[in-house]
């Protein structure tokens, strides 16, 4: 079965490569080998550390430091985050983005809680049940939307299925909305889109959480508009952000 499947996939790739070669022949022909070459678009934690990061780690590993988040370096990092978001923030260090998401969801969740995210969000598809486990059994509801962004109308419809004061004890209660910036599809939420989603969430009395694993990339790409999003965080329009 594996061999047959592999042969079938190779045949499909060859057909695609052949079609691509035909369509691009006028501009720049490509070979079958080039068409079949995999382009690695995985996250940056698959690659080695930048030399400046390695140098900084070595420099700060020299000597002693106060434990449990009370070191000089911890305070310096907190001040940096305060400057970035232009307000005092609390910084909690974790090892992975999954840990950050799971612990954030655990913070906002209560018994019978429901958390809304895009149906292809990392929170739903790539965290192996960690959010459900650490929240004590929260239900994650996927919301539709093109190119990785939640569609506001679909979010409103999804939340309305679960009233804040359900008639039955068996019904769940909305607890939070989570978005990813930039999204799993490589797209960005505009300032207007985030405001719309935040407005819907807050109208139902629930916070908006942002998975910001790629927030630095979004700021770099989005320029001034992404800086305005930081001000939304400062004003608590967005209640939690993971980076």
C-alpha atoms as a PDB file:
ATOM      1  CA  UNK A   1       0.000   0.000   0.000  1.00  0.00           C
ATOM      2  CA  UNK A   2       2.822   2.415   0.913  1.00  0.00           C
ATOM      3  CA  UNK A   3       4.671   1.685  -2.335  1.00  0.00           C
ATOM      4  CA  UNK A   4       1.554   2.140  -4.441  1.00  0.00           C
ATOM      5  CA  UNK A   5       0.747   5.400  -2.665  1.00  0.00           C
ATOM      6  CA  UNK A   6       4.280   6.700  -3.157  1.00  0.00           C
ATOM      7  CA  UNK A   7       4.210   5.846  -6.863  1.00  0.00           C
ATOM      8  CA  UNK A   8       0.864   7.592  -7.194  1.00  0.00           C
ATOM      9  CA  UNK A   9       2.183  10.728  -5.477  1.00  0.00           C
ATOM     10  CA  UNK A  10       5.333  10.767  -7.596  1.00  0.00           C
ATOM     11  CA  UNK A  11       3.182  10.485 -10.702  1.00  0.00           C
ATOM     12  CA  UNK A  12       1.092  13.434  -9.524  1.00  0.00           C
ATOM     13  CA  UNK A  13       4.187  15.538  -8.860  1.00  0.00           C
ATOM     14  CA  UNK A  14       5.558  14.693 -12.314  1.00  0.00           C
ATOM     15  CA  UNK A  15       2.276  15.771 -13.943  1.00  0.00           C
ATOM     16  CA  UNK A  16       2.312  19.058 -12.032  1.00  0.00           C
ATOM     17  CA  UNK A  17       5.952  19.612 -12.935  1.00  0.00           C
ATOM     18  CA  UNK A  18       5.224  18.867 -16.579  1.00  0.00           C
ATOM     19  CA  UNK A  19       2.327  21.322 -16.622  1.00  0.00           C
ATOM     20  CA  UNK A  20       4.417  23.952 -14.844  1.00  0.00           C
ATOM     21  CA  UNK A  21       7.224  23.518 -17.366  1.00  0.00           C
ATOM     22  CA  UNK A  22       4.758  23.948 -20.233  1.00  0.00           C
ATOM     23  CA  UNK A  23       3.115  27.043 -18.763  1.00  0.00           C
ATOM     24  CA  UNK A  24       6.413  28.721 -17.858  1.00  0.00           C
ATOM     25  CA  UNK A  25       8.299  27.742 -21.003  1.00  0.00           C
ATOM     26  CA  UNK A  26       7.991  31.213 -22.476  1.00  0.00           C
ATOM     27  CA  UNK A  27       9.450  32.920 -19.395  1.00  0.00           C
ATOM     28  CA  UNK A  28      11.868  30.490 -17.778  1.00  0.00           C
ATOM     29  CA  UNK A  29      11.721  26.696 -18.256  1.00  0.00           C
ATOM     30  CA  UNK A  30      12.132  24.626 -15.104  1.00  0.00           C
ATOM     31  CA  UNK A  31      13.381  21.095 -14.800  1.00  0.00           C
ATOM     32  CA  UNK A  32      11.558  18.174 -13.218  1.00  0.00           C
ATOM     33  CA  UNK A  33      14.182  18.066 -10.455  1.00  0.00           C
ATOM     34  CA  UNK A  34      13.647  21.748  -9.657  1.00  0.00           C
ATOM     35  CA  UNK A  35       9.862  21.344  -9.614  1.00  0.00           C
ATOM     36  CA  UNK A  36      10.120  18.404  -7.205  1.00  0.00           C
ATOM     37  CA  UNK A  37      12.558  20.161  -4.868  1.00  0.00           C
ATOM     38  CA  UNK A  38      10.967  20.890  -1.502  1.00  0.00           C
ATOM     39  CA  UNK A  39      11.002  24.473  -0.285  1.00  0.00           C
ATOM     40  CA  UNK A  40      11.206  24.590   3.514  1.00  0.00           C
ATOM     41  CA  UNK A  41       8.636  27.054   4.833  1.00  0.00           C
ATOM     42  CA  UNK A  42       8.475  25.645   8.361  1.00  0.00           C
ATOM     43  CA  UNK A  43       8.802  27.844  11.441  1.00  0.00           C
ATOM     44  CA  UNK A  44      12.066  29.373  12.592  1.00  0.00           C
ATOM     45  CA  UNK A  45      12.483  26.902  15.456  1.00  0.00           C
ATOM     46  CA  UNK A  46      13.521  24.337  12.846  1.00  0.00           C
ATOM     47  CA  UNK A  47      16.647  26.300  12.004  1.00  0.00           C
ATOM     48  CA  UNK A  48      19.836  27.000  13.895  1.00  0.00           C
ATOM     49  CA  UNK A  49      20.205  30.040  16.125  1.00  0.00           C
ATOM     50  CA  UNK A  50      21.507  33.279  14.672  1.00  0.00           C
ATOM     51  CA  UNK A  51      25.124  33.942  15.773  1.00  0.00           C
ATOM     52  CA  UNK A  52      23.997  36.993  17.770  1.00  0.00           C
ATOM     53  CA  UNK A  53      21.546  34.821  19.719  1.00  0.00           C
ATOM     54  CA  UNK A  54      24.218  32.216  20.442  1.00  0.00           C
ATOM     55  CA  UNK A  55      26.647  34.925  21.560  1.00  0.00           C
ATOM     56  CA  UNK A  56      24.043  36.498  23.851  1.00  0.00           C
ATOM     57  CA  UNK A  57      23.188  33.143  25.442  1.00  0.00           C
ATOM     58  CA  UNK A  58      26.843  32.425  26.134  1.00  0.00           C
ATOM     59  CA  UNK A  59      27.388  35.908  27.542  1.00  0.00           C
ATOM     60  CA  UNK A  60      24.465  35.719  29.955  1.00  0.00           C
ATOM     61  CA  UNK A  61      25.269  32.156  31.041  1.00  0.00           C
ATOM     62  CA  UNK A  62      28.522  33.394  32.565  1.00  0.00           C
ATOM     63  CA  UNK A  63      28.305  33.875  36.328  1.00  0.00           C
ATOM     64  CA  UNK A  64      25.316  33.640  38.654  1.00  0.00           C
ATOM     65  CA  UNK A  65      21.848  35.168  38.603  1.00  0.00           C
ATOM     66  CA  UNK A  66      18.835  35.308  40.901  1.00  0.00           C
ATOM     67  CA  UNK A  67      16.389  32.490  40.190  1.00  0.00           C
ATOM     68  CA  UNK A  68      12.619  32.413  39.618  1.00  0.00           C
ATOM     69  CA  UNK A  69      12.305  35.426  37.352  1.00  0.00           C
ATOM     70  CA  UNK A  70      14.026  37.897  39.657  1.00  0.00           C
ATOM     71  CA  UNK A  71      17.349  38.319  37.848  1.00  0.00           C
ATOM     72  CA  UNK A  72      18.688  41.524  36.335  1.00  0.00           C
ATOM     73  CA  UNK A  73      18.173  40.029  32.872  1.00  0.00           C
ATOM     74  CA  UNK A  74      14.524  39.192  33.654  1.00  0.00           C
ATOM     75  CA  UNK A  75      13.904  42.782  34.704  1.00  0.00           C
ATOM     76  CA  UNK A  76      15.621  44.089  31.575  1.00  0.00           C
ATOM     77  CA  UNK A  77      13.424  41.923  29.358  1.00  0.00           C
ATOM     78  CA  UNK A  78      10.289  43.114  31.155  1.00  0.00           C
ATOM     79  CA  UNK A  79      11.330  46.744  30.631  1.00  0.00           C
ATOM     80  CA  UNK A  80      11.832  46.005  26.929  1.00  0.00           C
ATOM     81  CA  UNK A  81       8.316  44.581  26.649  1.00  0.00           C
ATOM     82  CA  UNK A  82       6.949  47.602  28.518  1.00  0.00           C
ATOM     83  CA  UNK A  83       8.590  49.852  25.920  1.00  0.00           C
ATOM     84  CA  UNK A  84       7.287  47.781  23.005  1.00  0.00           C
ATOM     85  CA  UNK A  85       3.681  47.830  24.220  1.00  0.00           C
ATOM     86  CA  UNK A  86       3.901  51.253  25.896  1.00  0.00           C
ATOM     87  CA  UNK A  87       2.437  50.009  29.186  1.00  0.00           C
ATOM     88  CA  UNK A  88       3.434  47.781  32.090  1.00  0.00           C
ATOM     89  CA  UNK A  89       3.054  44.126  31.153  1.00  0.00           C
ATOM     90  CA  UNK A  90       3.626  40.819  32.911  1.00  0.00           C
ATOM     91  CA  UNK A  91       6.055  38.472  31.178  1.00  0.00           C
ATOM     92  CA  UNK A  92       5.965  34.722  31.785  1.00  0.00           C
ATOM     93  CA  UNK A  93       8.653  32.630  30.122  1.00  0.00           C
ATOM     94  CA  UNK A  94       7.786  29.226  28.683  1.00  0.00           C
ATOM     95  CA  UNK A  95       9.634  26.821  26.439  1.00  0.00           C
ATOM     96  CA  UNK A  96       7.267  26.626  23.450  1.00  0.00           C
ATOM     97  CA  UNK A  97       4.370  28.338  21.740  1.00  0.00           C
ATOM     98  CA  UNK A  98       2.142  25.390  22.594  1.00  0.00           C
ATOM     99  CA  UNK A  99       2.898  25.888  26.286  1.00  0.00           C
ATOM    100  CA  UNK A 100       2.112  29.602  25.981  1.00  0.00           C
ATOM    101  CA  UNK A 101      -1.220  28.939  24.278  1.00  0.00           C
ATOM    102  CA  UNK A 102      -2.241  26.129  26.625  1.00  0.00           C
ATOM    103  CA  UNK A 103      -1.452  28.102  29.785  1.00  0.00           C
ATOM    104  CA  UNK A 104      -3.204  31.215  28.452  1.00  0.00           C
ATOM    105  CA  UNK A 105      -6.312  29.210  27.673  1.00  0.00           C
ATOM    106  CA  UNK A 106      -6.153  27.644  31.135  1.00  0.00           C
ATOM    107  CA  UNK A 107      -6.085  31.144  32.615  1.00  0.00           C
ATOM    108  CA  UNK A 108      -9.234  32.334  30.826  1.00  0.00           C
ATOM    109  CA  UNK A 109     -11.201  29.088  31.006  1.00  0.00           C
ATOM    110  CA  UNK A 110     -13.783  27.935  33.521  1.00  0.00           C
ATOM    111  CA  UNK A 111     -15.716  24.687  33.820  1.00  0.00           C
ATOM    112  CA  UNK A 112     -17.713  23.954  30.687  1.00  0.00           C
ATOM    113  CA  UNK A 113     -15.786  26.585  28.764  1.00  0.00           C
ATOM    114  CA  UNK A 114     -15.691  27.020  24.990  1.00  0.00           C
ATOM    115  CA  UNK A 115     -12.845  28.740  23.158  1.00  0.00           C
ATOM    116  CA  UNK A 116     -13.194  29.955  19.578  1.00  0.00           C
ATOM    117  CA  UNK A 117     -10.353  29.996  17.049  1.00  0.00           C
ATOM    118  CA  UNK A 118      -9.913  29.663  13.306  1.00  0.00           C
ATOM    119  CA  UNK A 119     -10.504  26.081  12.236  1.00  0.00           C
ATOM    120  CA  UNK A 120      -6.904  25.803  11.008  1.00  0.00           C
ATOM    121  CA  UNK A 121      -5.367  27.565  13.999  1.00  0.00           C
ATOM    122  CA  UNK A 122      -2.287  26.055  15.596  1.00  0.00           C
ATOM    123  CA  UNK A 123      -4.308  25.983  18.805  1.00  0.00           C
ATOM    124  CA  UNK A 124      -6.725  23.502  17.230  1.00  0.00           C
ATOM    125  CA  UNK A 125      -4.693  21.478  14.727  1.00  0.00           C
ATOM    126  CA  UNK A 126      -1.120  21.320  16.006  1.00  0.00           C
ATOM    127  CA  UNK A 127      -1.013  21.207  19.791  1.00  0.00           C
ATOM    128  CA  UNK A 128      -1.932  17.580  20.410  1.00  0.00           C
ATOM    129  CA  UNK A 129      -4.663  18.221  22.977  1.00  0.00           C
ATOM    130  CA  UNK A 130      -2.478  20.393  25.238  1.00  0.00           C
ATOM    131  CA  UNK A 131      -5.015  23.262  25.447  1.00  0.00           C
ATOM    132  CA  UNK A 132      -7.819  20.837  26.290  1.00  0.00           C
ATOM    133  CA  UNK A 133      -5.657  19.122  28.903  1.00  0.00           C
ATOM    134  CA  UNK A 134      -4.418  22.235  30.705  1.00  0.00           C
ATOM    135  CA  UNK A 135      -7.825  23.921  30.635  1.00  0.00           C
ATOM    136  CA  UNK A 136      -9.406  20.913  32.297  1.00  0.00           C
ATOM    137  CA  UNK A 137     -11.484  20.000  29.274  1.00  0.00           C
ATOM    138  CA  UNK A 138     -12.339  23.188  27.399  1.00  0.00           C
ATOM    139  CA  UNK A 139     -13.969  22.670  24.037  1.00  0.00           C
ATOM    140  CA  UNK A 140     -12.203  24.272  21.069  1.00  0.00           C
ATOM    141  CA  UNK A 141     -14.603  25.410  18.356  1.00  0.00           C
ATOM    142  CA  UNK A 142     -13.198  26.048  14.895  1.00  0.00           C
ATOM    143  CA  UNK A 143     -14.501  29.098  13.039  1.00  0.00           C
ATOM    144  CA  UNK A 144     -14.348  29.399   9.263  1.00  0.00           C
ATOM    145  CA  UNK A 145     -12.684  32.162   7.291  1.00  0.00           C
ATOM    146  CA  UNK A 146     -10.550  32.572   4.186  1.00  0.00           C
ATOM    147  CA  UNK A 147      -6.740  32.530   4.270  1.00  0.00           C
ATOM    148  CA  UNK A 148      -6.472  31.691   7.957  1.00  0.00           C
ATOM    149  CA  UNK A 149      -8.449  34.690   9.219  1.00  0.00           C
ATOM    150  CA  UNK A 150     -11.648  34.339  11.237  1.00  0.00           C
ATOM    151  CA  UNK A 151     -14.708  35.630   9.400  1.00  0.00           C
ATOM    152  CA  UNK A 152     -16.542  38.002  11.809  1.00  0.00           C
ATOM    153  CA  UNK A 153     -20.016  36.849  10.756  1.00  0.00           C
ATOM    154  CA  UNK A 154     -19.028  33.211  11.267  1.00  0.00           C
ATOM    155  CA  UNK A 155     -17.627  34.068  14.703  1.00  0.00           C
ATOM    156  CA  UNK A 156     -20.828  35.821  15.734  1.00  0.00           C
ATOM    157  CA  UNK A 157     -22.883  32.845  14.613  1.00  0.00           C
ATOM    158  CA  UNK A 158     -20.630  30.381  16.449  1.00  0.00           C
ATOM    159  CA  UNK A 159     -20.727  32.311  19.732  1.00  0.00           C
ATOM    160  CA  UNK A 160     -24.504  32.720  19.619  1.00  0.00           C
ATOM    161  CA  UNK A 161     -24.868  28.945  19.662  1.00  0.00           C
ATOM    162  CA  UNK A 162     -23.620  29.044  23.259  1.00  0.00           C
ATOM    163  CA  UNK A 163     -25.421  31.684  25.356  1.00  0.00           C
ATOM    164  CA  UNK A 164     -23.503  33.036  28.383  1.00  0.00           C
ATOM    165  CA  UNK A 165     -26.268  31.821  30.709  1.00  0.00           C
ATOM    166  CA  UNK A 166     -27.334  28.496  29.211  1.00  0.00           C
ATOM    167  CA  UNK A 167     -30.688  27.018  30.096  1.00  0.00           C
ATOM    168  CA  UNK A 168     -29.132  23.580  30.489  1.00  0.00           C
ATOM    169  CA  UNK A 169     -26.119  22.753  32.647  1.00  0.00           C
ATOM    170  CA  UNK A 170     -24.967  20.522  29.803  1.00  0.00           C
ATOM    171  CA  UNK A 171     -24.402  23.457  27.436  1.00  0.00           C
ATOM    172  CA  UNK A 172     -21.007  25.106  27.231  1.00  0.00           C
ATOM    173  CA  UNK A 173     -20.185  28.744  27.952  1.00  0.00           C
ATOM    174  CA  UNK A 174     -18.046  31.033  25.763  1.00  0.00           C
ATOM    175  CA  UNK A 175     -14.724  31.873  27.414  1.00  0.00           C
ATOM    176  CA  UNK A 176     -12.413  33.433  24.818  1.00  0.00           C
ATOM    177  CA  UNK A 177     -11.658  34.107  21.174  1.00  0.00           C
ATOM    178  CA  UNK A 178      -8.147  33.387  19.910  1.00  0.00           C
ATOM    179  CA  UNK A 179      -6.570  34.769  16.735  1.00  0.00           C
ATOM    180  CA  UNK A 180      -3.086  34.261  15.302  1.00  0.00           C
ATOM    181  CA  UNK A 181      -0.971  37.149  13.989  1.00  0.00           C
ATOM    182  CA  UNK A 182       0.406  36.417  11.498  1.00  0.00           C
ATOM    183  CA  UNK A 183      -1.892  33.508  10.642  1.00  0.00           C
ATOM    184  CA  UNK A 184      -1.037  29.901   9.872  1.00  0.00           C
ATOM    185  CA  UNK A 185      -1.622  30.761   6.203  1.00  0.00           C
ATOM    186  CA  UNK A 186       0.950  33.555   6.265  1.00  0.00           C
ATOM    187  CA  UNK A 187      -1.638  36.333   6.092  1.00  0.00           C
ATOM    188  CA  UNK A 188      -2.134  39.298   8.420  1.00  0.00           C
ATOM    189  CA  UNK A 189      -5.180  40.626  10.211  1.00  0.00           C
ATOM    190  CA  UNK A 190      -5.661  44.312   9.471  1.00  0.00           C
ATOM    191  CA  UNK A 191      -6.315  46.760  12.268  1.00  0.00           C
ATOM    192  CA  UNK A 192      -9.965  47.008  11.217  1.00  0.00           C
ATOM    193  CA  UNK A 193     -10.369  43.223  11.189  1.00  0.00           C
ATOM    194  CA  UNK A 194      -8.949  42.882  14.694  1.00  0.00           C
ATOM    195  CA  UNK A 195     -11.178  45.651  15.979  1.00  0.00           C
ATOM    196  CA  UNK A 196     -14.216  43.917  14.492  1.00  0.00           C
ATOM    197  CA  UNK A 197     -13.354  40.572  16.069  1.00  0.00           C
ATOM    198  CA  UNK A 198     -12.526  42.236  19.397  1.00  0.00           C
ATOM    199  CA  UNK A 199     -15.861  44.049  19.308  1.00  0.00           C
ATOM    200  CA  UNK A 200     -17.726  40.778  18.800  1.00  0.00           C
ATOM    201  CA  UNK A 201     -15.823  39.036  21.588  1.00  0.00           C
ATOM    202  CA  UNK A 202     -16.291  41.887  24.061  1.00  0.00           C
ATOM    203  CA  UNK A 203     -19.984  42.226  23.220  1.00  0.00           C
ATOM    204  CA  UNK A 204     -20.351  38.683  24.538  1.00  0.00           C
ATOM    205  CA  UNK A 205     -18.254  39.442  27.615  1.00  0.00           C
ATOM    206  CA  UNK A 206     -15.232  37.342  26.625  1.00  0.00           C
ATOM    207  CA  UNK A 207     -11.592  38.355  26.045  1.00  0.00           C
ATOM    208  CA  UNK A 208      -9.625  38.293  22.808  1.00  0.00           C
ATOM    209  CA  UNK A 209      -6.364  36.343  22.908  1.00  0.00           C
ATOM    210  CA  UNK A 210      -3.627  36.710  20.297  1.00  0.00           C
ATOM    211  CA  UNK A 211      -1.190  33.936  19.476  1.00  0.00           C
ATOM    212  CA  UNK A 212       1.787  36.102  18.557  1.00  0.00           C
ATOM    213  CA  UNK A 213       4.359  33.430  17.757  1.00  0.00           C
ATOM    214  CA  UNK A 214       4.965  35.318  14.501  1.00  0.00           C
ATOM    215  CA  UNK A 215       4.043  38.783  15.760  1.00  0.00           C
ATOM    216  CA  UNK A 216       7.544  40.141  15.137  1.00  0.00           C
ATOM    217  CA  UNK A 217       7.219  39.063  11.499  1.00  0.00           C
ATOM    218  CA  UNK A 218       3.839  40.775  11.313  1.00  0.00           C
ATOM    219  CA  UNK A 219       5.260  44.022  12.703  1.00  0.00           C
ATOM    220  CA  UNK A 220       8.140  43.870  10.246  1.00  0.00           C
ATOM    221  CA  UNK A 221       5.811  43.279   7.305  1.00  0.00           C
ATOM    222  CA  UNK A 222       2.830  45.371   8.339  1.00  0.00           C
ATOM    223  CA  UNK A 223       4.726  48.481   9.406  1.00  0.00           C
ATOM    224  CA  UNK A 224       2.753  51.286  11.005  1.00  0.00           C
ATOM    225  CA  UNK A 225      -0.569  49.415  11.109  1.00  0.00           C
ATOM    226  CA  UNK A 226       0.957  46.638  13.210  1.00  0.00           C
ATOM    227  CA  UNK A 227       2.356  49.263  15.585  1.00  0.00           C
ATOM    228  CA  UNK A 228      -1.195  50.494  16.046  1.00  0.00           C
ATOM    229  CA  UNK A 229      -2.147  46.942  17.007  1.00  0.00           C
ATOM    230  CA  UNK A 230       0.369  47.164  19.832  1.00  0.00           C
ATOM    231  CA  UNK A 231      -1.575  50.179  21.084  1.00  0.00           C
ATOM    232  CA  UNK A 232      -4.729  48.044  21.064  1.00  0.00           C
ATOM    233  CA  UNK A 233      -2.910  45.653  23.376  1.00  0.00           C
ATOM    234  CA  UNK A 234      -1.884  48.600  25.531  1.00  0.00           C
ATOM    235  CA  UNK A 235      -5.530  49.639  25.846  1.00  0.00           C
ATOM    236  CA  UNK A 236      -6.524  46.048  26.686  1.00  0.00           C
ATOM    237  CA  UNK A 237      -8.593  45.598  23.536  1.00  0.00           C
ATOM    238  CA  UNK A 238      -6.481  42.477  23.180  1.00  0.00           C
ATOM    239  CA  UNK A 239      -6.142  40.949  26.640  1.00  0.00           C
ATOM    240  CA  UNK A 240      -3.415  38.346  26.098  1.00  0.00           C
ATOM    241  CA  UNK A 241      -0.625  37.961  23.585  1.00  0.00           C
ATOM    242  CA  UNK A 242       1.823  35.093  23.268  1.00  0.00           C
ATOM    243  CA  UNK A 243       5.165  35.683  21.574  1.00  0.00           C
END
